[in-house]
Protein backbone atom coordinates (compact mmCIF):
# COMPACT_ATOMS: atom_id res chain seq x y z
CA MET A 1 -5.92 -7.33 -13.44
CA LYS A 2 -3.90 -4.97 -11.30
CA ILE A 3 -3.32 -4.89 -7.56
CA ILE A 4 -2.99 -1.67 -5.59
CA ALA A 5 -1.03 -1.21 -2.37
CA LEU A 6 -1.46 1.57 0.18
CA ASP A 7 0.97 2.82 2.79
CA ILE A 8 -1.48 4.85 4.89
CA GLY A 9 -0.12 7.46 7.26
CA ASP A 10 -1.73 10.17 9.33
CA GLN A 11 -0.94 12.86 6.77
CA TRP A 12 0.22 11.10 3.59
CA THR A 13 -0.67 7.86 1.82
CA GLY A 14 1.60 6.20 -0.68
CA ILE A 15 0.01 4.30 -3.55
CA ALA A 16 1.68 1.60 -5.65
CA LEU A 17 0.34 -0.44 -8.56
CA SER A 18 1.24 -3.79 -10.00
CA ASP A 19 1.48 -4.43 -13.69
CA ALA A 20 -1.40 -6.32 -15.33
CA LEU A 21 0.36 -9.68 -14.84
CA GLY A 22 0.95 -9.08 -11.14
CA LEU A 23 4.72 -9.43 -11.49
CA LEU A 24 6.04 -5.95 -10.81
CA ALA A 25 5.27 -3.31 -8.21
CA LYS A 26 5.91 0.33 -8.94
CA PRO A 27 5.30 3.52 -6.98
CA TYR A 28 2.28 5.36 -8.35
CA LYS A 29 1.82 8.52 -6.28
CA THR A 30 1.53 10.00 -2.83
CA VAL A 31 -1.69 11.73 -1.80
CA THR A 32 -2.94 13.39 1.34
CA THR A 33 -4.71 10.81 3.47
CA ASP A 34 -7.82 12.97 3.72
CA GLN A 35 -8.10 12.85 -0.11
CA LEU A 36 -7.49 9.10 -0.38
CA ILE A 37 -11.09 8.05 -1.11
CA LEU A 38 -11.44 10.62 -3.90
CA GLN A 39 -8.09 9.61 -5.41
CA LEU A 40 -9.04 5.93 -5.29
CA LYS A 41 -12.39 6.58 -6.97
CA GLU A 42 -10.55 8.24 -9.85
CA LEU A 43 -7.91 5.51 -9.99
CA PHE A 44 -10.49 2.70 -9.99
CA ILE A 45 -12.18 4.32 -13.01
CA LYS A 46 -8.86 4.45 -14.92
CA GLU A 47 -7.37 1.09 -13.92
CA ARG A 48 -8.77 -2.45 -13.71
CA ILE A 49 -7.92 -3.10 -10.08
CA THR A 50 -9.30 -6.19 -8.39
CA GLN A 51 -7.37 -6.31 -5.14
CA GLY A 52 -6.09 -3.85 -2.55
CA VAL A 53 -3.23 -4.45 -0.14
CA ILE A 54 -3.00 -2.19 2.90
CA GLY A 55 0.22 -1.97 4.84
CA TYR A 56 -0.43 -3.28 8.35
CA PRO A 57 1.98 -1.72 10.84
CA LYS A 58 2.46 -4.10 13.73
CA THR A 59 5.34 -3.45 16.09
CA LEU A 60 8.59 -5.37 15.65
CA ARG A 61 7.36 -7.72 18.38
CA GLY A 62 4.17 -8.33 16.39
CA THR A 63 1.90 -6.43 18.77
CA ILE A 64 -0.78 -3.84 18.03
CA SER A 65 -0.04 -0.12 18.32
CA GLU A 66 -2.18 3.00 18.05
CA GLN A 67 -1.15 3.25 14.39
CA THR A 68 -2.26 -0.36 13.85
CA LYS A 69 -5.71 0.53 15.19
CA LYS A 70 -5.91 3.54 12.83
CA ILE A 71 -5.07 1.32 9.86
CA GLU A 72 -7.75 -1.17 10.90
CA GLU A 73 -10.26 1.72 10.82
CA HIS A 74 -9.09 2.72 7.31
CA TYR A 75 -9.32 -0.93 6.25
CA GLU A 76 -12.95 -1.18 7.39
CA ALA A 77 -13.81 2.15 5.70
CA LEU A 78 -12.20 1.07 2.41
CA LYS A 79 -14.02 -2.27 2.45
CA ALA A 80 -17.32 -0.42 2.93
CA GLN A 81 -16.57 2.26 0.30
CA PHE A 82 -15.16 -0.14 -2.32
CA PRO A 83 -16.78 -3.56 -1.77
CA HIS A 84 -15.83 -4.72 -5.29
CA ILE A 85 -12.14 -4.66 -4.30
CA ALA A 86 -10.73 -7.61 -2.33
CA TRP A 87 -8.92 -5.78 0.50
CA ILE A 88 -6.30 -7.41 2.70
CA LEU A 89 -3.99 -6.23 5.45
CA TRP A 90 -0.33 -7.05 4.80
CA ASP A 91 2.54 -6.89 7.28
CA GLU A 92 4.51 -3.77 6.45
CA ARG A 93 7.14 -3.86 9.15
CA LEU A 94 10.21 -1.99 7.99
CA SER A 95 8.80 -0.99 4.57
CA SER A 96 9.07 2.73 5.38
CA LYS A 97 12.62 2.21 6.63
CA ARG A 98 13.45 0.33 3.43
CA ALA A 99 12.04 3.21 1.40
CA GLU A 100 14.12 5.72 3.35
CA LEU A 101 17.28 3.64 2.90
CA HIS A 102 16.52 3.14 -0.79
CA LYS A 103 17.10 6.82 -1.44
CA LYS A 104 17.67 9.51 1.13
CA SER A 105 14.97 12.16 0.75
CA THR A 106 16.25 15.69 0.64
CA SER A 107 13.41 17.72 -0.85
CA LYS A 108 9.76 17.87 0.19
CA GLU A 109 8.77 16.15 -3.06
CA GLU A 110 11.23 13.30 -2.47
CA LYS A 111 9.96 12.84 1.09
CA GLN A 112 6.39 12.64 -0.21
CA ARG A 113 7.44 10.21 -2.96
CA SER A 114 9.01 7.95 -0.32
CA HIS A 115 5.48 7.03 0.79
CA ALA A 116 4.72 5.66 -2.69
CA VAL A 117 8.06 3.82 -2.63
CA ALA A 118 7.10 2.26 0.73
CA ALA A 119 3.78 1.17 -0.83
CA ALA A 120 5.74 -0.43 -3.69
CA PHE A 121 7.85 -2.39 -1.17
CA ILE A 122 4.64 -3.59 0.50
CA LEU A 123 3.21 -4.63 -2.85
CA ASP A 124 6.44 -6.30 -3.94
CA SER A 125 6.43 -8.38 -0.76
CA TYR A 126 2.83 -9.41 -1.37
CA LEU A 127 3.44 -10.25 -5.05
CA GLY A 128 6.44 -12.37 -4.03
CA TYR A 129 4.26 -14.25 -1.57
CA LEU A 130 1.59 -14.86 -4.25
CA HIS A 131 4.10 -16.17 -6.77
CA MET A 132 5.89 -18.36 -4.25
CA HIS A 133 2.61 -20.00 -3.21
CA LYS A 134 1.45 -20.27 -6.81
CA ASN A 135 4.65 -22.14 -7.70
CA LEU A 136 4.38 -24.40 -4.66
CA GLY A 137 0.75 -25.28 -5.31
């Protein structure tokens, strides 16, 4: 079963998918945030996704910002819209910066793709956590 990760922004949302074994995270696509629900409906028909990871943007000090509150609202809406998916919030601090450093975006398409790359970094972090705890337990 696959896991999806979302890097939700005001205008754009990056989507990443794991492989079926939950070992690898790869950027899938970037969509406009206002089209996210429609895109997810289509994706959930095509892919066997059981879990959703949403990037949770706390400040570097670990406090809540206005963006954090917006993500919490998206989280609640996604849980209501897709109750068959196990949604979690996952600390995304610095994932967007990592995506920017990974490859400097020069074109509009590359800048949009960087959102999906940020989602892949979020998912990679989560998959690493799962595998570390699986091996410890």
